[in-house]
Full PDB file with SEQRES, HELIX, SHEET, SSBOND, CRYST1, ORIGX, SCALE, CONECT and MASTER records, all heavy atoms in Angstrom:
SEQRES   1 A   34  GLN GLU TYR ASN LEU PHE ALA ASN MET THR ALA LEU GLU          
SEQRES   2 A   34  ASN VAL THR SER GLY LEU VAL ILE SER ARG LYS VAL ASN          
SEQRES   3 A   34  LYS ALA GLU ALA ALA LYS LEU ALA                              
HELIX    1 AA1 ALA A   11  ILE A   21  1                                  11    
HELIX    2 AA2 LYS A   27  LEU A   33  1                                   7    
CRYST1    1.000    1.000    1.000  90.00  90.00  90.00 P 1           1          
ORIGX1      1.000000  0.000000  0.000000        0.00000                         
ORIGX2      0.000000  1.000000  0.000000        0.00000                         
ORIGX3      0.000000  0.000000  1.000000        0.00000                         
SCALE1      1.000000  0.000000  0.000000        0.00000                         
SCALE2      0.000000  1.000000  0.000000        0.00000                         
SCALE3      0.000000  0.000000  1.000000        0.00000                         
ATOM      1  N   GLN A   1       0.830  -1.199   0.000  1.00  0.00           N  
ATOM      2  CA  GLN A   1       0.000   0.000   0.000  1.00  0.00           C  
ATOM      3  C   GLN A   1       0.866   1.251   0.000  1.00  0.00           C  
ATOM      4  O   GLN A   1       0.541   2.237  -0.623  1.00  0.00           O  
ATOM      5  CB  GLN A   1      -0.906   0.018   1.230  1.00  0.00           C  
ATOM      6  CG  GLN A   1      -2.041  -0.956   1.144  1.00  0.00           C  
ATOM      7  CD  GLN A   1      -2.873  -0.936   2.407  1.00  0.00           C  
ATOM      8  OE1 GLN A   1      -2.348  -0.924   3.502  1.00  0.00           O  
ATOM      9  NE2 GLN A   1      -4.166  -0.953   2.242  1.00  0.00           N  
ATOM     10  N   GLU A   2       1.932   1.208   0.751  1.00  0.00           N  
ATOM     11  CA  GLU A   2       2.884   2.298   0.747  1.00  0.00           C  
ATOM     12  C   GLU A   2       3.919   1.946  -0.299  1.00  0.00           C  
ATOM     13  O   GLU A   2       4.290   0.791  -0.464  1.00  0.00           O  
ATOM     14  CB  GLU A   2       3.498   2.455   2.137  1.00  0.00           C  
ATOM     15  CG  GLU A   2       2.439   2.842   3.156  1.00  0.00           C  
ATOM     16  CD  GLU A   2       2.859   2.573   4.586  1.00  0.00           C  
ATOM     17  OE1 GLU A   2       4.004   2.166   4.816  1.00  0.00           O  
ATOM     18  OE2 GLU A   2       2.016   2.757   5.456  1.00  0.00           O  
ATOM     19  N   TYR A   3       4.414   2.921  -0.988  1.00  0.00           N  
ATOM     20  CA  TYR A   3       5.204   2.645  -2.179  1.00  0.00           C  
ATOM     21  C   TYR A   3       6.483   1.886  -1.892  1.00  0.00           C  
ATOM     22  O   TYR A   3       6.886   1.027  -2.648  1.00  0.00           O  
ATOM     23  CB  TYR A   3       5.489   3.943  -2.935  1.00  0.00           C  
ATOM     24  CG  TYR A   3       4.244   4.728  -3.189  1.00  0.00           C  
ATOM     25  CD1 TYR A   3       4.091   6.004  -2.699  1.00  0.00           C  
ATOM     26  CD2 TYR A   3       3.188   4.157  -3.883  1.00  0.00           C  
ATOM     27  CE1 TYR A   3       2.930   6.716  -2.922  1.00  0.00           C  
ATOM     28  CE2 TYR A   3       2.026   4.858  -4.099  1.00  0.00           C  
ATOM     29  CZ  TYR A   3       1.895   6.142  -3.621  1.00  0.00           C  
ATOM     30  OH  TYR A   3       0.759   6.842  -3.831  1.00  0.00           O  
ATOM     31  N   ASN A   4       7.143   2.177  -0.770  1.00  0.00           N  
ATOM     32  CA  ASN A   4       8.371   1.476  -0.404  1.00  0.00           C  
ATOM     33  C   ASN A   4       9.401   1.453  -1.531  1.00  0.00           C  
ATOM     34  O   ASN A   4      10.106   0.473  -1.711  1.00  0.00           O  
ATOM     35  CB  ASN A   4       8.077   0.050   0.063  1.00  0.00           C  
ATOM     36  CG  ASN A   4       7.344   0.034   1.372  1.00  0.00           C  
ATOM     37  OD1 ASN A   4       7.505   0.928   2.189  1.00  0.00           O  
ATOM     38  ND2 ASN A   4       6.522  -0.965   1.586  1.00  0.00           N  
ATOM     39  N   LEU A   5       9.472   2.521  -2.289  1.00  0.00           N  
ATOM     40  CA  LEU A   5      10.500   2.628  -3.317  1.00  0.00           C  
ATOM     41  C   LEU A   5      11.781   3.138  -2.671  1.00  0.00           C  
ATOM     42  O   LEU A   5      11.749   3.878  -1.684  1.00  0.00           O  
ATOM     43  CB  LEU A   5      10.062   3.594  -4.424  1.00  0.00           C  
ATOM     44  CG  LEU A   5       8.834   3.173  -5.219  1.00  0.00           C  
ATOM     45  CD1 LEU A   5       8.427   4.292  -6.167  1.00  0.00           C  
ATOM     46  CD2 LEU A   5       9.087   1.889  -5.971  1.00  0.00           C  
ATOM     47  N   PHE A   6      12.889   2.732  -3.212  1.00  0.00           N  
ATOM     48  CA  PHE A   6      14.161   3.230  -2.728  1.00  0.00           C  
ATOM     49  C   PHE A   6      14.356   4.632  -3.302  1.00  0.00           C  
ATOM     50  O   PHE A   6      14.430   4.806  -4.521  1.00  0.00           O  
ATOM     51  CB  PHE A   6      15.300   2.307  -3.146  1.00  0.00           C  
ATOM     52  CG  PHE A   6      15.196   0.941  -2.528  1.00  0.00           C  
ATOM     53  CD1 PHE A   6      14.764  -0.139  -3.286  1.00  0.00           C  
ATOM     54  CD2 PHE A   6      15.525   0.751  -1.191  1.00  0.00           C  
ATOM     55  CE1 PHE A   6      14.669  -1.404  -2.715  1.00  0.00           C  
ATOM     56  CE2 PHE A   6      15.424  -0.507  -0.616  1.00  0.00           C  
ATOM     57  CZ  PHE A   6      14.996  -1.591  -1.373  1.00  0.00           C  
ATOM     58  N   ALA A   7      14.448   5.622  -2.426  1.00  0.00           N  
ATOM     59  CA  ALA A   7      14.526   7.019  -2.852  1.00  0.00           C  
ATOM     60  C   ALA A   7      15.799   7.312  -3.645  1.00  0.00           C  
ATOM     61  O   ALA A   7      15.816   8.216  -4.469  1.00  0.00           O  
ATOM     62  CB  ALA A   7      14.448   7.937  -1.636  1.00  0.00           C  
ATOM     63  N   ASN A   8      16.853   6.524  -3.403  1.00  0.00           N  
ATOM     64  CA  ASN A   8      18.129   6.771  -4.076  1.00  0.00           C  
ATOM     65  C   ASN A   8      18.264   5.976  -5.376  1.00  0.00           C  
ATOM     66  O   ASN A   8      19.338   5.927  -5.958  1.00  0.00           O  
ATOM     67  CB  ASN A   8      19.288   6.415  -3.145  1.00  0.00           C  
ATOM     68  CG  ASN A   8      19.293   4.941  -2.764  1.00  0.00           C  
ATOM     69  OD1 ASN A   8      18.250   4.312  -2.716  1.00  0.00           O  
ATOM     70  ND2 ASN A   8      20.455   4.408  -2.476  1.00  0.00           N  
ATOM     71  N   MET A   9      17.167   5.358  -5.828  1.00  0.00           N  
ATOM     72  CA  MET A   9      17.189   4.560  -7.061  1.00  0.00           C  
ATOM     73  C   MET A   9      16.152   5.087  -8.030  1.00  0.00           C  
ATOM     74  O   MET A   9      15.073   5.523  -7.625  1.00  0.00           O  
ATOM     75  CB  MET A   9      16.892   3.089  -6.746  1.00  0.00           C  
ATOM     76  CG  MET A   9      17.935   2.435  -5.840  1.00  0.00           C  
ATOM     77  SD  MET A   9      17.389   0.830  -5.237  1.00  0.00           S  
ATOM     78  CE  MET A   9      17.833  -0.206  -6.606  1.00  0.00           C  
ATOM     79  N   THR A  10      16.462   5.025  -9.307  1.00  0.00           N  
ATOM     80  CA  THR A  10      15.513   5.438 -10.348  1.00  0.00           C  
ATOM     81  C   THR A  10      14.364   4.427 -10.434  1.00  0.00           C  
ATOM     82  O   THR A  10      14.425   3.341  -9.842  1.00  0.00           O  
ATOM     83  CB  THR A  10      16.199   5.505 -11.719  1.00  0.00           C  
ATOM     84  OG1 THR A  10      16.605   4.180 -12.086  1.00  0.00           O  
ATOM     85  CG2 THR A  10      17.383   6.459 -11.708  1.00  0.00           C  
ATOM     86  N   ALA A  11      13.343   4.779 -11.191  1.00  0.00           N  
ATOM     87  CA  ALA A  11      12.221   3.858 -11.396  1.00  0.00           C  
ATOM     88  C   ALA A  11      12.720   2.536 -11.970  1.00  0.00           C  
ATOM     89  O   ALA A  11      12.335   1.457 -11.503  1.00  0.00           O  
ATOM     90  CB  ALA A  11      11.188   4.495 -12.332  1.00  0.00           C  
ATOM     91  N   LEU A  12      13.599   2.618 -12.957  1.00  0.00           N  
ATOM     92  CA  LEU A  12      14.145   1.408 -13.563  1.00  0.00           C  
ATOM     93  C   LEU A  12      14.905   0.574 -12.531  1.00  0.00           C  
ATOM     94  O   LEU A  12      14.748  -0.638 -12.449  1.00  0.00           O  
ATOM     95  CB  LEU A  12      15.050   1.754 -14.746  1.00  0.00           C  
ATOM     96  CG  LEU A  12      15.662   0.563 -15.476  1.00  0.00           C  
ATOM     97  CD1 LEU A  12      14.574  -0.304 -16.122  1.00  0.00           C  
ATOM     98  CD2 LEU A  12      16.645   1.042 -16.533  1.00  0.00           C  
ATOM     99  N   GLU A  13      15.726   1.223 -11.728  1.00  0.00           N  
ATOM    100  CA  GLU A  13      16.505   0.504 -10.717  1.00  0.00           C  
ATOM    101  C   GLU A  13      15.594  -0.120  -9.653  1.00  0.00           C  
ATOM    102  O   GLU A  13      15.850  -1.231  -9.184  1.00  0.00           O  
ATOM    103  CB  GLU A  13      17.521   1.439 -10.061  1.00  0.00           C  
ATOM    104  CG  GLU A  13      18.633   1.860 -11.000  1.00  0.00           C  
ATOM    105  CD  GLU A  13      19.461   3.031 -10.475  1.00  0.00           C  
ATOM    106  OE1 GLU A  13      18.940   3.856  -9.676  1.00  0.00           O  
ATOM    107  OE2 GLU A  13      20.638   3.119 -10.882  1.00  0.00           O  
ATOM    108  N   ASN A  14      14.518   0.576  -9.275  1.00  0.00           N  
ATOM    109  CA  ASN A  14      13.583   0.023  -8.309  1.00  0.00           C  
ATOM    110  C   ASN A  14      12.924  -1.246  -8.833  1.00  0.00           C  
ATOM    111  O   ASN A  14      12.790  -2.227  -8.106  1.00  0.00           O  
ATOM    112  CB  ASN A  14      12.520   1.065  -7.931  1.00  0.00           C  
ATOM    113  CG  ASN A  14      12.891   1.864  -6.714  1.00  0.00           C  
ATOM    114  OD1 ASN A  14      12.828   1.367  -5.593  1.00  0.00           O  
ATOM    115  ND2 ASN A  14      13.294   3.114  -6.930  1.00  0.00           N  
ATOM    116  N   VAL A  15      12.528  -1.239 -10.088  1.00  0.00           N  
ATOM    117  CA  VAL A  15      11.895  -2.422 -10.676  1.00  0.00           C  
ATOM    118  C   VAL A  15      12.923  -3.535 -10.871  1.00  0.00           C  
ATOM    119  O   VAL A  15      12.643  -4.707 -10.619  1.00  0.00           O  
ATOM    120  CB  VAL A  15      11.198  -2.069 -12.015  1.00  0.00           C  
ATOM    121  CG1 VAL A  15      10.604  -3.311 -12.662  1.00  0.00           C  
ATOM    122  CG2 VAL A  15      10.105  -1.020 -11.791  1.00  0.00           C  
ATOM    123  N   THR A  16      14.113  -3.178 -11.282  1.00  0.00           N  
ATOM    124  CA  THR A  16      15.169  -4.160 -11.529  1.00  0.00           C  
ATOM    125  C   THR A  16      15.609  -4.873 -10.251  1.00  0.00           C  
ATOM    126  O   THR A  16      15.875  -6.078 -10.259  1.00  0.00           O  
ATOM    127  CB  THR A  16      16.388  -3.469 -12.188  1.00  0.00           C  
ATOM    128  OG1 THR A  16      15.955  -2.863 -13.408  1.00  0.00           O  
ATOM    129  CG2 THR A  16      17.496  -4.450 -12.495  1.00  0.00           C  
ATOM    130  N   SER A  17      15.686  -4.151  -9.152  1.00  0.00           N  
ATOM    131  CA  SER A  17      16.258  -4.711  -7.918  1.00  0.00           C  
ATOM    132  C   SER A  17      15.516  -5.967  -7.446  1.00  0.00           C  
ATOM    133  O   SER A  17      16.155  -6.920  -7.005  1.00  0.00           O  
ATOM    134  CB  SER A  17      16.303  -3.664  -6.812  1.00  0.00           C  
ATOM    135  OG  SER A  17      15.002  -3.288  -6.420  1.00  0.00           O  
ATOM    136  N   GLY A  18      14.202  -5.994  -7.532  1.00  0.00           N  
ATOM    137  CA  GLY A  18      13.452  -7.180  -7.120  1.00  0.00           C  
ATOM    138  C   GLY A  18      13.772  -8.391  -7.962  1.00  0.00           C  
ATOM    139  O   GLY A  18      13.868  -9.516  -7.456  1.00  0.00           O  
ATOM    140  N   LEU A  19      13.949  -8.173  -9.243  1.00  0.00           N  
ATOM    141  CA  LEU A  19      14.291  -9.283 -10.138  1.00  0.00           C  
ATOM    142  C   LEU A  19      15.665  -9.850  -9.828  1.00  0.00           C  
ATOM    143  O   LEU A  19      15.873 -11.060  -9.823  1.00  0.00           O  
ATOM    144  CB  LEU A  19      14.239  -8.816 -11.598  1.00  0.00           C  
ATOM    145  CG  LEU A  19      12.869  -8.396 -12.114  1.00  0.00           C  
ATOM    146  CD1 LEU A  19      13.008  -7.671 -13.455  1.00  0.00           C  
ATOM    147  CD2 LEU A  19      11.960  -9.593 -12.241  1.00  0.00           C  
ATOM    148  N   VAL A  20      16.616  -8.967  -9.546  1.00  0.00           N  
ATOM    149  CA  VAL A  20      17.985  -9.397  -9.267  1.00  0.00           C  
ATOM    150  C   VAL A  20      18.079 -10.071  -7.896  1.00  0.00           C  
ATOM    151  O   VAL A  20      18.640 -11.155  -7.762  1.00  0.00           O  
ATOM    152  CB  VAL A  20      18.967  -8.197  -9.359  1.00  0.00           C  
ATOM    153  CG1 VAL A  20      20.358  -8.580  -8.871  1.00  0.00           C  
ATOM    154  CG2 VAL A  20      19.026  -7.668 -10.784  1.00  0.00           C  
ATOM    155  N   ILE A  21      17.493  -9.442  -6.890  1.00  0.00           N  
ATOM    156  CA  ILE A  21      17.623  -9.941  -5.522  1.00  0.00           C  
ATOM    157  C   ILE A  21      16.748 -11.167  -5.273  1.00  0.00           C  
ATOM    158  O   ILE A  21      17.225 -12.185  -4.781  1.00  0.00           O  
ATOM    159  CB  ILE A  21      17.295  -8.827  -4.505  1.00  0.00           C  
ATOM    160  CG1 ILE A  21      18.339  -7.716  -4.625  1.00  0.00           C  
ATOM    161  CG2 ILE A  21      17.247  -9.372  -3.084  1.00  0.00           C  
ATOM    162  CD1 ILE A  21      17.961  -6.427  -3.927  1.00  0.00           C  
ATOM    163  N   SER A  22      15.467 -11.084  -5.601  1.00  0.00           N  
ATOM    164  CA  SER A  22      14.541 -12.176  -5.280  1.00  0.00           C  
ATOM    165  C   SER A  22      14.517 -13.291  -6.314  1.00  0.00           C  
ATOM    166  O   SER A  22      14.453 -14.461  -5.957  1.00  0.00           O  
ATOM    167  CB  SER A  22      13.118 -11.636  -5.134  1.00  0.00           C  
ATOM    168  OG  SER A  22      13.055 -10.740  -4.068  1.00  0.00           O  
ATOM    169  N   ARG A  23      14.545 -12.917  -7.562  1.00  0.00           N  
ATOM    170  CA  ARG A  23      14.403 -13.917  -8.623  1.00  0.00           C  
ATOM    171  C   ARG A  23      15.736 -14.378  -9.195  1.00  0.00           C  
ATOM    172  O   ARG A  23      15.789 -15.228 -10.069  1.00  0.00           O  
ATOM    173  CB  ARG A  23      13.522 -13.368  -9.743  1.00  0.00           C  
ATOM    174  CG  ARG A  23      12.143 -12.917  -9.281  1.00  0.00           C  
ATOM    175  CD  ARG A  23      11.138 -14.022  -9.391  1.00  0.00           C  
ATOM    176  NE  ARG A  23       9.883 -13.696  -8.756  1.00  0.00           N  
ATOM    177  CZ  ARG A  23       8.752 -13.459  -9.384  1.00  0.00           C  
ATOM    178  NH1 ARG A  23       8.720 -13.495 -10.694  1.00  0.00           N  
ATOM    179  NH2 ARG A  23       7.663 -13.191  -8.721  1.00  0.00           N  
ATOM    180  N   LYS A  24      16.834 -13.744  -8.757  1.00  0.00           N  
ATOM    181  CA  LYS A  24      18.192 -14.108  -9.178  1.00  0.00           C  
ATOM    182  C   LYS A  24      18.410 -13.977 -10.687  1.00  0.00           C  
ATOM    183  O   LYS A  24      19.148 -14.730 -11.296  1.00  0.00           O  
ATOM    184  CB  LYS A  24      18.553 -15.530  -8.730  1.00  0.00           C  
ATOM    185  CG  LYS A  24      18.338 -15.806  -7.259  1.00  0.00           C  
ATOM    186  CD  LYS A  24      19.258 -14.982  -6.405  1.00  0.00           C  
ATOM    187  CE  LYS A  24      19.083 -15.357  -4.937  1.00  0.00           C  
ATOM    188  NZ  LYS A  24      19.203 -14.251  -4.038  1.00  0.00           N  
ATOM    189  N   VAL A  25      17.751 -12.980 -11.304  1.00  0.00           N  
ATOM    190  CA  VAL A  25      17.924 -12.704 -12.728  1.00  0.00           C  
ATOM    191  C   VAL A  25      19.195 -11.867 -12.868  1.00  0.00           C  
ATOM    192  O   VAL A  25      19.439 -10.962 -12.064  1.00  0.00           O  
ATOM    193  CB  VAL A  25      16.700 -11.936 -13.281  1.00  0.00           C  
ATOM    194  CG1 VAL A  25      16.890 -11.547 -14.731  1.00  0.00           C  
ATOM    195  CG2 VAL A  25      15.429 -12.760 -13.091  1.00  0.00           C  
ATOM    196  N   ASN A  26      20.021 -12.143 -13.889  1.00  0.00           N  
ATOM    197  CA  ASN A  26      21.240 -11.333 -14.049  1.00  0.00           C  
ATOM    198  C   ASN A  26      20.842  -9.887 -14.366  1.00  0.00           C  
ATOM    199  O   ASN A  26      19.774  -9.621 -14.899  1.00  0.00           O  
ATOM    200  CB  ASN A  26      22.198 -11.936 -15.090  1.00  0.00           C  
ATOM    201  CG  ASN A  26      21.742 -11.741 -16.511  1.00  0.00           C  
ATOM    202  OD1 ASN A  26      21.527 -10.610 -16.956  1.00  0.00           O  
ATOM    203  ND2 ASN A  26      21.589 -12.827 -17.238  1.00  0.00           N  
ATOM    204  N   LYS A  27      21.735  -8.964 -14.032  1.00  0.00           N  
ATOM    205  CA  LYS A  27      21.411  -7.535 -14.084  1.00  0.00           C  
ATOM    206  C   LYS A  27      20.985  -7.059 -15.466  1.00  0.00           C  
ATOM    207  O   LYS A  27      20.043  -6.283 -15.604  1.00  0.00           O  
ATOM    208  CB  LYS A  27      22.580  -6.708 -13.573  1.00  0.00           C  
ATOM    209  CG  LYS A  27      22.748  -6.798 -12.074  1.00  0.00           C  
ATOM    210  CD  LYS A  27      23.880  -5.922 -11.586  1.00  0.00           C  
ATOM    211  CE  LYS A  27      24.044  -6.073 -10.082  1.00  0.00           C  
ATOM    212  NZ  LYS A  27      25.091  -5.230  -9.543  1.00  0.00           N  
ATOM    213  N   ALA A  28      21.652  -7.517 -16.508  1.00  0.00           N  
ATOM    214  CA  ALA A  28      21.321  -7.069 -17.865  1.00  0.00           C  
ATOM    215  C   ALA A  28      19.922  -7.543 -18.266  1.00  0.00           C  
ATOM    216  O   ALA A  28      19.123  -6.769 -18.803  1.00  0.00           O  
ATOM    217  CB  ALA A  28      22.359  -7.583 -18.861  1.00  0.00           C  
ATOM    218  N   GLU A  29      19.621  -8.797 -17.997  1.00  0.00           N  
ATOM    219  CA  GLU A  29      18.290  -9.337 -18.321  1.00  0.00           C  
ATOM    220  C   GLU A  29      17.226  -8.669 -17.463  1.00  0.00           C  
ATOM    221  O   GLU A  29      16.142  -8.341 -17.946  1.00  0.00           O  
ATOM    222  CB  GLU A  29      18.263 -10.856 -18.128  1.00  0.00           C  
ATOM    223  CG  GLU A  29      16.927 -11.500 -18.429  1.00  0.00           C  
ATOM    224  CD  GLU A  29      16.489 -11.421 -19.889  1.00  0.00           C  
ATOM    225  OE1 GLU A  29      17.322 -11.123 -20.769  1.00  0.00           O  
ATOM    226  OE2 GLU A  29      15.284 -11.663 -20.159  1.00  0.00           O  
ATOM    227  N   ALA A  30      17.532  -8.429 -16.186  1.00  0.00           N  
ATOM    228  CA  ALA A  30      16.584  -7.775 -15.285  1.00  0.00           C  
ATOM    229  C   ALA A  30      16.269  -6.358 -15.772  1.00  0.00           C  
ATOM    230  O   ALA A  30      15.110  -5.933 -15.761  1.00  0.00           O  
ATOM    231  CB  ALA A  30      17.135  -7.755 -13.863  1.00  0.00           C  
ATOM    232  N   ALA A  31      17.290  -5.629 -16.214  1.00  0.00           N  
ATOM    233  CA  ALA A  31      17.071  -4.275 -16.721  1.00  0.00           C  
ATOM    234  C   ALA A  31      16.185  -4.288 -17.959  1.00  0.00           C  
ATOM    235  O   ALA A  31      15.307  -3.437 -18.126  1.00  0.00           O  
ATOM    236  CB  ALA A  31      18.408  -3.603 -17.017  1.00  0.00           C  
ATOM    237  N   LYS A  32      16.395  -5.279 -18.823  1.00  0.00           N  
ATOM    238  CA  LYS A  32      15.574  -5.410 -20.038  1.00  0.00           C  
ATOM    239  C   LYS A  32      14.115  -5.699 -19.658  1.00  0.00           C  
ATOM    240  O   LYS A  32      13.185  -5.061 -20.165  1.00  0.00           O  
ATOM    241  CB  LYS A  32      16.132  -6.535 -20.908  1.00  0.00           C  
ATOM    242  CG  LYS A  32      15.342  -6.797 -22.170  1.00  0.00           C  
ATOM    243  CD  LYS A  32      15.977  -7.932 -22.986  1.00  0.00           C  
ATOM    244  CE  LYS A  32      15.120  -8.255 -24.168  1.00  0.00           C  
ATOM    245  NZ  LYS A  32      14.544  -9.566 -24.146  1.00  0.00           N  
ATOM    246  N   LEU A  33      13.906  -6.654 -18.745  1.00  0.00           N  
ATOM    247  CA  LEU A  33      12.548  -7.003 -18.308  1.00  0.00           C  
ATOM    248  C   LEU A  33      11.877  -5.832 -17.590  1.00  0.00           C  
ATOM    249  O   LEU A  33      10.693  -5.556 -17.795  1.00  0.00           O  
ATOM    250  CB  LEU A  33      12.587  -8.223 -17.390  1.00  0.00           C  
ATOM    251  CG  LEU A  33      12.994  -9.543 -18.025  1.00  0.00           C  
ATOM    252  CD1 LEU A  33      13.229 -10.612 -16.951  1.00  0.00           C  
ATOM    253  CD2 LEU A  33      11.937 -10.010 -19.024  1.00  0.00           C  
ATOM    254  N   ALA A  34      12.653  -5.129 -16.768  1.00  0.00           N  
ATOM    255  CA  ALA A  34      12.114  -3.988 -16.035  1.00  0.00           C  
ATOM    256  C   ALA A  34      11.692  -2.880 -16.994  1.00  0.00           C  
ATOM    257  O   ALA A  34      10.629  -2.272 -16.825  1.00  0.00           O  
ATOM    258  CB  ALA A  34      13.147  -3.476 -15.033  1.00  0.00           C  
TER     259      ALA A  34                                                      
MASTER        0    0    0    2    0    0    0    6  258    1    0    3          
END                                                                             
């Protein structure tokens, strides 16, 4: 309900981080998916 976005990260980085950390997607593929 609360956005819980990382203030020091861009929109792309916020979306990418979950893929990299939780789903273990490599950074380049995560950035593309994000």
